[in-house]
Protein backbone atom coordinates (compact mmCIF):
# COMPACT_ATOMS: atom_id res chain seq x y z
CA MET A 1 -0.98 -59.30 -1.19
CA PRO A 2 2.31 -57.44 -1.74
CA VAL A 3 1.02 -56.21 -5.12
CA ALA A 4 -2.10 -54.74 -3.50
CA LEU A 5 0.05 -53.07 -0.86
CA LEU A 6 2.32 -51.67 -3.54
CA ALA A 7 -0.69 -50.43 -5.53
CA LEU A 8 -2.07 -48.77 -2.40
CA ALA A 9 1.30 -47.08 -1.77
CA VAL A 10 1.43 -45.83 -5.36
CA LEU A 11 -2.13 -44.48 -5.07
CA ALA A 12 -1.33 -42.76 -1.78
CA SER A 13 1.80 -41.26 -3.31
CA ALA A 14 -0.16 -40.01 -6.32
CA LEU A 15 -2.78 -38.42 -4.07
CA GLY A 16 0.03 -36.78 -2.09
CA VAL A 17 1.51 -35.30 -5.27
CA VAL A 18 -1.90 -34.00 -6.38
CA TYR A 19 -2.49 -32.41 -2.95
CA ALA A 20 0.99 -30.86 -2.89
CA LYS A 21 0.55 -29.42 -6.39
CA HIS A 22 -2.88 -27.98 -5.50
CA ARG A 23 -1.54 -26.47 -2.28
CA SER A 24 1.39 -24.99 -4.19
CA ARG A 25 -0.95 -23.31 -6.67
CA VAL A 26 -3.17 -21.92 -3.89
CA LEU A 27 -0.15 -20.49 -2.09
CA PHE A 28 1.23 -19.03 -5.33
CA VAL A 29 -2.06 -17.21 -6.00
CA GLN A 30 -2.05 -15.92 -2.42
CA LEU A 31 1.55 -14.76 -2.83
CA ASN A 32 0.65 -12.82 -5.98
CA GLU A 33 -2.28 -11.14 -4.23
CA LEU A 34 -0.08 -10.15 -1.29
CA GLN A 35 2.57 -8.77 -3.64
CA GLN A 36 -0.07 -6.65 -5.38
CA GLN A 37 -1.26 -5.35 -2.01
CA ARG A 38 2.35 -4.56 -1.07
CA ASP A 39 2.88 -2.67 -4.30
CA ALA A 40 -0.34 -0.69 -3.80
CA MET A 41 0.68 0.14 -0.24
CA ASN A 42 4.12 1.27 -1.44
CA VAL A 43 2.46 3.62 -3.92
CA GLU A 44 0.14 4.96 -1.21
CA TRP A 45 3.11 5.39 1.16
CA GLY A 46 4.96 7.41 -1.46
CA GLN A 47 1.90 9.61 -2.02
CA LEU A 48 1.50 10.15 1.71
CA GLN A 49 5.17 11.10 2.06
CA LEU A 50 4.80 13.57 -0.80
CA GLU A 51 1.67 15.04 0.81
CA LEU A 52 3.43 15.32 4.17
CA SER A 53 6.35 17.05 2.51
CA THR A 54 4.00 19.50 0.83
CA TRP A 55 2.14 20.32 4.04
CA ALA A 56 5.34 20.67 6.03
CA ASN A 57 6.76 22.99 3.42
CA GLN A 58 3.72 25.31 3.42
CA SER A 59 3.72 25.43 7.21
CA ARG A 60 7.37 26.38 7.24
CA ILE A 61 6.79 29.15 4.71
CA GLU A 62 3.92 30.52 6.77
CA GLN A 63 6.00 30.41 9.92
CA ILE A 64 8.86 32.29 8.26
CA ALA A 65 6.45 34.86 6.83
CA ARG A 66 4.94 35.50 10.26
CA ARG A 67 8.25 35.69 12.08
CA ARG A 68 10.61 37.44 9.67
CA LEU A 69 8.19 39.54 7.61
CA ARG A 70 5.65 40.03 10.39
CA MET A 71 2.84 39.04 8.06
CA HIS A 72 -0.56 38.01 9.34
CA ASN A 73 -3.90 36.80 8.03
CA VAL A 74 -6.35 39.47 6.96
CA ASP A 75 -9.68 39.67 8.76
CA PHE A 76 -12.74 39.17 6.60
CA ASP A 77 -14.03 42.71 7.31
CA GLN A 78 -10.78 44.15 5.93
CA VAL A 79 -11.20 42.51 2.51
CA VAL A 80 -12.30 44.85 -0.29
CA MET A 81 -13.79 43.31 -3.42
CA ILE A 82 -13.11 45.15 -6.67
CA ARG A 83 -15.43 44.42 -9.55
CA PRO A 84 -14.48 45.19 -13.16
């Protein structure tokens, strides 16, 4: 009887090791996927910051041109097309 109990304990322990190893691999794959998503989001964040900087810069230039140089947009009826 003690041998059967010992064999059952060894089997249970082996199944526990197999389950732990499988779970570890599943979590590792999930970790890699999340890291790839993080990296992609970091790239997108950098692109969005660059785009925001570009838009903010153009807006500032337009504001300075309107205020200091008193420039304004031309109406469509004031545009003259010159053909070669």
